Amino acid sequence: MPIYYECQRCTACCRWPGQVRLADPDIARISSFLGLSEVDFIQRFTRLRVDRRGLALMDKANGECIFLEENDCRIQAVKPQQCRDFPNRWNFADFEKVCHAVPRRVSEEVYVELLKSRAD
């Protein structure tokens, strides 16, 4: 039986070093949500990815996500696909040590449906 991790919105993942890659649909969704043109959103909130193959969200000076406000995500309703996919579609070794998502054994059918509900 697969394990589905239920996010508790602890925001630990918003504080890890790294980069949140953005795809065109992410940019369209987030800019619309913020009431900005895509160009304005890109100029204010993104940077070139390390591999120079696209854009990523900027970080705050302390390494947190630019959209983390105390313990809440300012763009939770439209957060990037990479954020929505963690930790069920991707994660890293020992992520459970910092992530407070609750593991739950589910049937294969339920697992597939849960993943679909988090997809774009």
Protein backbone atom coordinates (compact mmCIF):
# COMPACT_ATOMS: atom_id res chain seq x y z
CA MET A 1 0.00 0.00 0.00
CA PRO A 2 1.38 3.42 -0.88
CA ILE A 3 1.95 6.12 1.70
CA TYR A 4 0.41 9.53 1.10
CA TYR A 5 1.81 12.41 3.12
CA GLU A 6 -0.82 14.88 4.31
CA CYS A 7 0.63 18.37 4.47
CA GLN A 8 0.16 20.09 7.82
CA ARG A 9 1.26 23.47 6.43
CA CYS A 10 4.13 23.62 8.91
CA THR A 11 6.08 25.79 6.40
CA ALA A 12 9.34 23.91 7.00
CA CYS A 13 9.67 23.35 3.25
CA CYS A 14 9.35 27.11 2.71
CA ARG A 15 12.47 27.65 4.80
CA TRP A 16 14.82 25.12 3.17
CA PRO A 17 17.63 26.26 0.90
CA GLY A 18 17.16 25.60 -2.78
CA GLN A 19 15.07 26.99 -5.56
CA VAL A 20 11.41 26.85 -6.44
CA ARG A 21 11.31 26.40 -10.20
CA LEU A 22 8.49 28.10 -12.07
CA ALA A 23 6.77 26.92 -15.23
CA ASP A 24 4.66 29.18 -17.44
CA PRO A 25 1.36 28.02 -15.85
CA ASP A 26 2.75 28.86 -12.38
CA ILE A 27 3.67 32.36 -13.52
CA ALA A 28 0.24 32.92 -15.07
CA ARG A 29 -1.62 31.66 -11.97
CA ILE A 30 0.45 33.53 -9.41
CA SER A 31 0.58 36.83 -11.31
CA SER A 32 -3.20 36.76 -11.82
CA PHE A 33 -3.75 35.95 -8.13
CA LEU A 34 -1.56 38.91 -7.13
CA GLY A 35 -3.23 41.22 -9.65
CA LEU A 36 0.02 41.79 -11.55
CA SER A 37 0.98 41.46 -15.17
CA GLU A 38 3.24 38.48 -15.82
CA VAL A 39 6.10 40.85 -16.65
CA ASP A 40 5.67 42.74 -13.35
CA PHE A 41 5.49 39.48 -11.40
CA ILE A 42 8.65 38.18 -13.09
CA GLN A 43 10.55 41.40 -12.39
CA ARG A 44 9.48 41.63 -8.75
CA PHE A 45 9.48 38.04 -7.54
CA THR A 46 11.69 35.83 -9.71
CA ARG A 47 15.33 35.21 -10.52
CA LEU A 48 17.19 33.18 -13.09
CA ARG A 49 17.59 29.54 -12.05
CA VAL A 50 21.06 28.29 -11.20
CA ASP A 51 21.15 26.23 -14.40
CA ARG A 52 20.02 29.33 -16.36
CA ARG A 53 17.18 27.32 -17.93
CA GLY A 54 14.23 29.16 -16.49
CA LEU A 55 12.96 31.16 -13.57
CA ALA A 56 12.68 30.46 -9.86
CA LEU A 57 11.07 32.35 -7.01
CA MET A 58 13.33 34.78 -5.20
CA ASP A 59 14.31 34.05 -1.63
CA LYS A 60 14.30 36.42 1.31
CA ALA A 61 17.72 37.38 2.68
CA ASN A 62 17.40 34.61 5.30
CA GLY A 63 16.73 31.96 2.62
CA GLU A 64 12.97 31.67 3.15
CA CYS A 65 10.52 31.78 0.28
CA ILE A 66 9.62 35.31 -0.70
CA PHE A 67 5.93 34.49 -0.17
CA LEU A 68 6.29 33.09 3.36
CA GLU A 69 4.57 35.42 5.82
CA GLU A 70 5.26 34.24 9.38
CA ASN A 71 3.77 30.71 9.23
CA ASP A 72 1.60 31.06 6.16
CA CYS A 73 2.03 31.09 2.40
CA ARG A 74 0.78 34.30 0.81
CA ILE A 75 0.02 32.41 -2.42
CA GLN A 76 -1.19 29.10 -0.90
CA ALA A 77 -4.22 28.93 -3.22
CA VAL A 78 -2.01 29.15 -6.33
CA LYS A 79 1.39 27.96 -5.11
CA PRO A 80 3.82 26.59 -7.70
CA GLN A 81 3.48 23.00 -8.88
CA GLN A 82 6.82 22.12 -7.29
CA CYS A 83 5.42 23.15 -3.90
CA ARG A 84 2.16 21.26 -4.44
CA ASP A 85 4.08 18.13 -5.40
CA PHE A 86 6.16 17.93 -2.22
CA PRO A 87 6.53 15.44 -0.54
CA ASN A 88 4.40 12.98 -2.52
CA ARG A 89 5.75 13.42 -6.04
CA TRP A 90 9.27 14.35 -4.97
CA ASN A 91 11.26 14.55 -1.74
CA PHE A 92 14.78 13.95 -0.48
CA ALA A 93 16.50 11.64 1.95
CA ASP A 94 15.40 12.21 5.55
CA PHE A 95 12.81 14.86 4.62
CA GLU A 96 10.66 13.46 7.44
CA LYS A 97 13.11 14.92 9.97
CA VAL A 98 11.99 18.46 9.14
CA CYS A 99 8.66 18.05 7.35
CA HIS A 100 5.61 17.53 9.56
CA ALA A 101 3.43 15.92 6.88
CA VAL A 102 1.47 13.00 8.31
CA PRO A 103 2.07 9.66 6.55
CA ARG A 104 -1.09 7.73 5.78
CA ARG A 105 -1.36 4.32 4.12
CA VAL A 106 -3.95 4.41 1.36
CA SER A 107 -5.08 2.14 -1.42
CA GLU A 108 -3.50 2.56 -4.84
CA GLU A 109 -6.75 4.04 -6.16
CA VAL A 110 -6.98 6.60 -3.37
CA TYR A 111 -3.30 7.48 -3.79
CA VAL A 112 -3.77 8.16 -7.51
CA GLU A 113 -6.85 10.30 -6.83
CA LEU A 114 -5.06 12.29 -4.13
CA LEU A 115 -2.14 12.98 -6.48
CA LYS A 116 -4.55 14.05 -9.25
CA SER A 117 -6.28 16.47 -6.88
CA ARG A 118 -2.91 18.18 -6.24
CA ALA A 119 -1.95 18.35 -9.91
CA ASP A 120 -2.35 21.33 -12.16
